Amino acid sequence: MSDEHPTPANLREAGTTAAQHGLSSPGLLHLSGMTKPKPQTCEVKIDGEWRAVSLTEAAVDHVVAVKRCPACRGQVMILGAYSGANVRRTMSHRKSHSGCPLKPNTYSGTLSLYPQALS
Protein backbone atom coordinates (compact mmCIF):
# COMPACT_ATOMS: atom_id res chain seq x y z
CA MET A 1 0.00 0.00 0.00
CA SER A 2 1.31 3.49 -0.80
CA ASP A 3 1.99 6.23 1.76
CA GLU A 4 -1.21 8.05 0.84
CA HIS A 5 -4.21 8.15 3.17
CA PRO A 6 -6.01 4.78 3.34
CA THR A 7 -9.06 4.43 1.13
CA PRO A 8 -11.52 1.51 1.13
CA ALA A 9 -9.99 0.25 -2.12
CA ASN A 10 -6.35 0.32 -1.04
CA LEU A 11 -7.22 -1.15 2.39
CA ARG A 12 -8.81 -4.14 0.64
CA GLU A 13 -5.87 -4.37 -1.76
CA ALA A 14 -3.38 -4.46 1.12
CA GLY A 15 -5.55 -6.87 3.13
CA THR A 16 -5.78 -4.48 6.09
CA THR A 17 -8.63 -2.92 8.00
CA ALA A 18 -9.54 0.63 8.88
CA ALA A 19 -8.79 -0.09 12.56
CA GLN A 20 -5.21 -1.06 11.66
CA HIS A 21 -4.80 2.47 10.28
CA GLY A 22 -6.11 4.22 13.38
CA LEU A 23 -9.61 4.71 12.00
CA SER A 24 -11.36 3.31 15.04
CA SER A 25 -14.20 5.71 15.86
CA PRO A 26 -17.62 4.77 14.46
CA GLY A 27 -17.73 7.93 12.34
CA LEU A 28 -14.34 7.28 10.80
CA LEU A 29 -15.22 3.67 10.10
CA HIS A 30 -18.30 4.98 8.31
CA LEU A 31 -16.08 7.28 6.29
CA SER A 32 -13.53 4.60 5.47
CA GLY A 33 -16.21 2.14 4.37
CA MET A 34 -18.22 4.44 2.16
CA THR A 35 -17.57 5.05 -1.46
CA LYS A 36 -16.58 8.58 -2.39
CA PRO A 37 -19.79 10.62 -2.57
CA LYS A 38 -20.71 12.21 -5.86
CA PRO A 39 -19.69 15.87 -5.73
CA GLN A 40 -23.18 16.96 -6.75
CA THR A 41 -24.96 15.41 -3.75
CA CYS A 42 -25.49 16.27 -0.12
CA GLU A 43 -27.44 14.70 2.72
CA VAL A 44 -30.72 16.23 3.85
CA LYS A 45 -32.52 15.43 7.10
CA ILE A 46 -36.03 14.37 6.07
CA ASP A 47 -38.45 12.96 8.67
CA GLY A 48 -35.56 12.38 11.08
CA GLU A 49 -33.39 10.46 8.60
CA TRP A 50 -30.42 11.54 6.50
CA ARG A 51 -30.99 10.98 2.79
CA ALA A 52 -28.58 11.57 -0.08
CA VAL A 53 -30.11 13.90 -2.66
CA SER A 54 -28.88 15.93 -5.59
CA LEU A 55 -27.93 19.54 -4.92
CA THR A 56 -30.81 20.62 -7.15
CA GLU A 57 -33.30 18.58 -5.13
CA ALA A 58 -31.84 19.93 -1.87
CA ALA A 59 -32.10 23.53 -3.10
CA VAL A 60 -35.54 23.25 -4.64
CA ASP A 61 -37.48 20.63 -2.64
CA HIS A 62 -35.81 20.89 0.77
CA VAL A 63 -35.03 24.59 1.10
CA VAL A 64 -35.38 24.83 4.89
CA ALA A 65 -34.10 21.33 5.78
CA VAL A 66 -30.74 20.87 7.49
CA LYS A 67 -28.07 19.73 5.03
CA ARG A 68 -24.73 18.01 5.66
CA CYS A 69 -21.68 16.90 3.73
CA PRO A 70 -21.80 13.18 2.87
CA ALA A 71 -18.06 12.83 3.53
CA CYS A 72 -17.33 14.71 6.79
CA ARG A 73 -20.92 15.25 8.06
CA GLY A 74 -20.37 18.98 8.51
CA GLN A 75 -23.25 21.39 7.94
CA VAL A 76 -23.38 22.73 4.39
CA MET A 77 -25.35 25.21 2.35
CA ILE A 78 -26.25 25.03 -1.31
CA LEU A 79 -25.03 27.91 -3.46
CA GLY A 80 -26.61 28.81 -6.77
CA ALA A 81 -30.10 28.27 -5.39
CA TYR A 82 -31.58 30.93 -7.66
CA SER A 83 -33.80 29.85 -10.56
CA GLY A 84 -32.81 29.56 -14.18
CA ALA A 85 -32.33 27.03 -16.93
CA ASN A 86 -28.60 26.40 -16.43
CA VAL A 87 -28.09 26.93 -12.72
CA ARG A 88 -24.79 25.52 -11.47
CA ARG A 89 -25.24 24.50 -7.85
CA THR A 90 -22.40 23.84 -5.47
CA MET A 91 -22.16 22.70 -1.88
CA SER A 92 -20.26 24.88 0.58
CA HIS A 93 -19.31 23.98 4.14
CA ARG A 94 -20.57 26.52 6.66
CA LYS A 95 -17.15 26.46 8.36
CA SER A 96 -13.91 25.27 6.81
CA HIS A 97 -12.64 21.80 7.79
CA SER A 98 -9.30 20.33 6.71
CA GLY A 99 -10.48 16.70 6.99
CA CYS A 100 -12.99 16.72 4.13
CA PRO A 101 -11.87 15.23 0.80
CA LEU A 102 -14.69 17.05 -1.01
CA LYS A 103 -12.85 20.35 -0.37
CA PRO A 104 -9.59 19.78 -2.23
CA ASN A 105 -8.38 23.34 -1.64
CA THR A 106 -8.32 22.84 2.16
CA TYR A 107 -8.06 19.03 2.49
CA SER A 108 -5.05 18.03 4.61
CA GLY A 109 -4.94 14.48 3.24
CA THR A 110 -6.23 13.01 6.50
CA LEU A 111 -9.89 12.03 6.41
CA SER A 112 -11.83 13.02 9.54
CA LEU A 113 -15.31 13.89 10.67
CA TYR A 114 -16.20 17.55 11.02
CA PRO A 115 -15.56 18.67 14.65
CA GLN A 116 -19.28 19.45 15.12
CA ALA A 117 -20.53 16.66 12.84
CA LEU A 118 -24.29 16.43 12.45
CA SER A 119 -25.75 13.09 13.47
C-alpha atoms as a PDB file:
ATOM      1  CA  MET A   1       0.000   0.000   0.000  1.00  0.00           C
ATOM      2  CA  SER A   2       1.312   3.487  -0.797  1.00  0.00           C
ATOM      3  CA  ASP A   3       1.987   6.227   1.756  1.00  0.00           C
ATOM      4  CA  GLU A   4      -1.205   8.054   0.837  1.00  0.00           C
ATOM      5  CA  HIS A   5      -4.210   8.148   3.170  1.00  0.00           C
ATOM      6  CA  PRO A   6      -6.013   4.781   3.337  1.00  0.00           C
ATOM      7  CA  THR A   7      -9.061   4.426   1.131  1.00  0.00           C
ATOM      8  CA  PRO A   8     -11.518   1.513   1.128  1.00  0.00           C
ATOM      9  CA  ALA A   9      -9.986   0.250  -2.123  1.00  0.00           C
ATOM     10  CA  ASN A  10      -6.354   0.316  -1.042  1.00  0.00           C
ATOM     11  CA  LEU A  11      -7.224  -1.149   2.391  1.00  0.00           C
ATOM     12  CA  ARG A  12      -8.805  -4.141   0.641  1.00  0.00           C
ATOM     13  CA  GLU A  13      -5.872  -4.371  -1.760  1.00  0.00           C
ATOM     14  CA  ALA A  14      -3.385  -4.462   1.121  1.00  0.00           C
ATOM     15  CA  GLY A  15      -5.547  -6.866   3.135  1.00  0.00           C
ATOM     16  CA  THR A  16      -5.781  -4.482   6.092  1.00  0.00           C
ATOM     17  CA  THR A  17      -8.632  -2.920   7.996  1.00  0.00           C
ATOM     18  CA  ALA A  18      -9.538   0.633   8.883  1.00  0.00           C
ATOM     19  CA  ALA A  19      -8.787  -0.091  12.557  1.00  0.00           C
ATOM     20  CA  GLN A  20      -5.214  -1.055  11.663  1.00  0.00           C
ATOM     21  CA  HIS A  21      -4.799   2.466  10.285  1.00  0.00           C
ATOM     22  CA  GLY A  22      -6.106   4.225  13.384  1.00  0.00           C
ATOM     23  CA  LEU A  23      -9.611   4.706  11.996  1.00  0.00           C
ATOM     24  CA  SER A  24     -11.362   3.308  15.037  1.00  0.00           C
ATOM     25  CA  SER A  25     -14.198   5.711  15.859  1.00  0.00           C
ATOM     26  CA  PRO A  26     -17.621   4.771  14.461  1.00  0.00           C
ATOM     27  CA  GLY A  27     -17.733   7.933  12.339  1.00  0.00           C
ATOM     28  CA  LEU A  28     -14.344   7.285  10.803  1.00  0.00           C
ATOM     29  CA  LEU A  29     -15.220   3.665  10.103  1.00  0.00           C
ATOM     30  CA  HIS A  30     -18.299   4.981   8.313  1.00  0.00           C
ATOM     31  CA  LEU A  31     -16.081   7.276   6.291  1.00  0.00           C
ATOM     32  CA  SER A  32     -13.529   4.596   5.473  1.00  0.00           C
ATOM     33  CA  GLY A  33     -16.209   2.144   4.369  1.00  0.00           C
ATOM     34  CA  MET A  34     -18.223   4.441   2.164  1.00  0.00           C
ATOM     35  CA  THR A  35     -17.570   5.052  -1.460  1.00  0.00           C
ATOM     36  CA  LYS A  36     -16.582   8.583  -2.391  1.00  0.00           C
ATOM     37  CA  PRO A  37     -19.794  10.624  -2.573  1.00  0.00           C
ATOM     38  CA  LYS A  38     -20.711  12.208  -5.863  1.00  0.00           C
ATOM     39  CA  PRO A  39     -19.692  15.871  -5.727  1.00  0.00           C
ATOM     40  CA  GLN A  40     -23.179  16.957  -6.754  1.00  0.00           C
ATOM     41  CA  THR A  41     -24.960  15.410  -3.751  1.00  0.00           C
ATOM     42  CA  CYS A  42     -25.489  16.273  -0.119  1.00  0.00           C
ATOM     43  CA  GLU A  43     -27.440  14.696   2.720  1.00  0.00           C
ATOM     44  CA  VAL A  44     -30.716  16.230   3.851  1.00  0.00           C
ATOM     45  CA  LYS A  45     -32.522  15.433   7.095  1.00  0.00           C
ATOM     46  CA  ILE A  46     -36.029  14.368   6.070  1.00  0.00           C
ATOM     47  CA  ASP A  47     -38.448  12.961   8.666  1.00  0.00           C
ATOM     48  CA  GLY A  48     -35.558  12.377  11.078  1.00  0.00           C
ATOM     49  CA  GLU A  49     -33.389  10.456   8.599  1.00  0.00           C
ATOM     50  CA  TRP A  50     -30.417  11.543   6.503  1.00  0.00           C
ATOM     51  CA  ARG A  51     -30.990  10.976   2.794  1.00  0.00           C
ATOM     52  CA  ALA A  52     -28.575  11.569  -0.085  1.00  0.00           C
ATOM     53  CA  VAL A  53     -30.113  13.895  -2.658  1.00  0.00           C
ATOM     54  CA  SER A  54     -28.876  15.934  -5.588  1.00  0.00           C
ATOM     55  CA  LEU A  55     -27.929  19.540  -4.923  1.00  0.00           C
ATOM     56  CA  THR A  56     -30.805  20.617  -7.151  1.00  0.00           C
ATOM     57  CA  GLU A  57     -33.304  18.577  -5.128  1.00  0.00           C
ATOM     58  CA  ALA A  58     -31.835  19.927  -1.873  1.00  0.00           C
ATOM     59  CA  ALA A  59     -32.099  23.533  -3.097  1.00  0.00           C
ATOM     60  CA  VAL A  60     -35.545  23.248  -4.642  1.00  0.00           C
ATOM     61  CA  ASP A  61     -37.481  20.626  -2.645  1.00  0.00           C
ATOM     62  CA  HIS A  62     -35.812  20.891   0.775  1.00  0.00           C
ATOM     63  CA  VAL A  63     -35.032  24.592   1.099  1.00  0.00           C
ATOM     64  CA  VAL A  64     -35.378  24.833   4.888  1.00  0.00           C
ATOM     65  CA  ALA A  65     -34.103  21.332   5.780  1.00  0.00           C
ATOM     66  CA  VAL A  66     -30.735  20.868   7.489  1.00  0.00           C
ATOM     67  CA  LYS A  67     -28.066  19.726   5.026  1.00  0.00           C
ATOM     68  CA  ARG A  68     -24.729  18.007   5.664  1.00  0.00           C
ATOM     69  CA  CYS A  69     -21.684  16.902   3.727  1.00  0.00           C
ATOM     70  CA  PRO A  70     -21.803  13.177   2.873  1.00  0.00           C
ATOM     71  CA  ALA A  71     -18.062  12.832   3.530  1.00  0.00           C
ATOM     72  CA  CYS A  72     -17.334  14.712   6.787  1.00  0.00           C
ATOM     73  CA  ARG A  73     -20.916  15.247   8.056  1.00  0.00           C
ATOM     74  CA  GLY A  74     -20.373  18.976   8.512  1.00  0.00           C
ATOM     75  CA  GLN A  75     -23.253  21.391   7.940  1.00  0.00           C
ATOM     76  CA  VAL A  76     -23.383  22.731   4.393  1.00  0.00           C
ATOM     77  CA  MET A  77     -25.349  25.212   2.351  1.00  0.00           C
ATOM     78  CA  ILE A  78     -26.247  25.031  -1.313  1.00  0.00           C
ATOM     79  CA  LEU A  79     -25.029  27.911  -3.459  1.00  0.00           C
ATOM     80  CA  GLY A  80     -26.613  28.807  -6.773  1.00  0.00           C
ATOM     81  CA  ALA A  81     -30.098  28.266  -5.391  1.00  0.00           C
ATOM     82  CA  TYR A  82     -31.577  30.933  -7.662  1.00  0.00           C
ATOM     83  CA  SER A  83     -33.798  29.850 -10.561  1.00  0.00           C
ATOM     84  CA  GLY A  84     -32.813  29.561 -14.185  1.00  0.00           C
ATOM     85  CA  ALA A  85     -32.328  27.025 -16.931  1.00  0.00           C
ATOM     86  CA  ASN A  86     -28.601  26.402 -16.433  1.00  0.00           C
ATOM     87  CA  VAL A  87     -28.092  26.930 -12.716  1.00  0.00           C
ATOM     88  CA  ARG A  88     -24.792  25.515 -11.471  1.00  0.00           C
ATOM     89  CA  ARG A  89     -25.235  24.503  -7.853  1.00  0.00           C
ATOM     90  CA  THR A  90     -22.398  23.838  -5.466  1.00  0.00           C
ATOM     91  CA  MET A  91     -22.159  22.701  -1.881  1.00  0.00           C
ATOM     92  CA  SER A  92     -20.258  24.882   0.585  1.00  0.00           C
ATOM     93  CA  HIS A  93     -19.314  23.979   4.139  1.00  0.00           C
ATOM     94  CA  ARG A  94     -20.569  26.523   6.657  1.00  0.00           C
ATOM     95  CA  LYS A  95     -17.150  26.456   8.357  1.00  0.00           C
ATOM     96  CA  SER A  96     -13.906  25.267   6.814  1.00  0.00           C
ATOM     97  CA  HIS A  97     -12.643  21.804   7.793  1.00  0.00           C
ATOM     98  CA  SER A  98      -9.302  20.330   6.712  1.00  0.00           C
ATOM     99  CA  GLY A  99     -10.476  16.697   6.989  1.00  0.00           C
ATOM    100  CA  CYS A 100     -12.990  16.725   4.130  1.00  0.00           C
ATOM    101  CA  PRO A 101     -11.867  15.230   0.804  1.00  0.00           C
ATOM    102  CA  LEU A 102     -14.686  17.052  -1.008  1.00  0.00           C
ATOM    103  CA  LYS A 103     -12.855  20.351  -0.374  1.00  0.00           C
ATOM    104  CA  PRO A 104      -9.586  19.777  -2.227  1.00  0.00           C
ATOM    105  CA  ASN A 105      -8.379  23.337  -1.645  1.00  0.00           C
ATOM    106  CA  THR A 106      -8.321  22.841   2.162  1.00  0.00           C
ATOM    107  CA  TYR A 107      -8.060  19.030   2.493  1.00  0.00           C
ATOM    108  CA  SER A 108      -5.047  18.026   4.607  1.00  0.00           C
ATOM    109  CA  GLY A 109      -4.939  14.483   3.242  1.00  0.00           C
ATOM    110  CA  THR A 110      -6.233  13.014   6.498  1.00  0.00           C
ATOM    111  CA  LEU A 111      -9.890  12.033   6.407  1.00  0.00           C
ATOM    112  CA  SER A 112     -11.825  13.022   9.538  1.00  0.00           C
ATOM    113  CA  LEU A 113     -15.310  13.895  10.668  1.00  0.00           C
ATOM    114  CA  TYR A 114     -16.200  17.545  11.019  1.00  0.00           C
ATOM    115  CA  PRO A 115     -15.564  18.666  14.653  1.00  0.00           C
ATOM    116  CA  GLN A 116     -19.283  19.447  15.120  1.00  0.00           C
ATOM    117  CA  ALA A 117     -20.535  16.656  12.837  1.00  0.00           C
ATOM    118  CA  LEU A 118     -24.291  16.426  12.450  1.00  0.00           C
ATOM    119  CA  SER A 119     -25.751  13.091  13.470  1.00  0.00           C
END
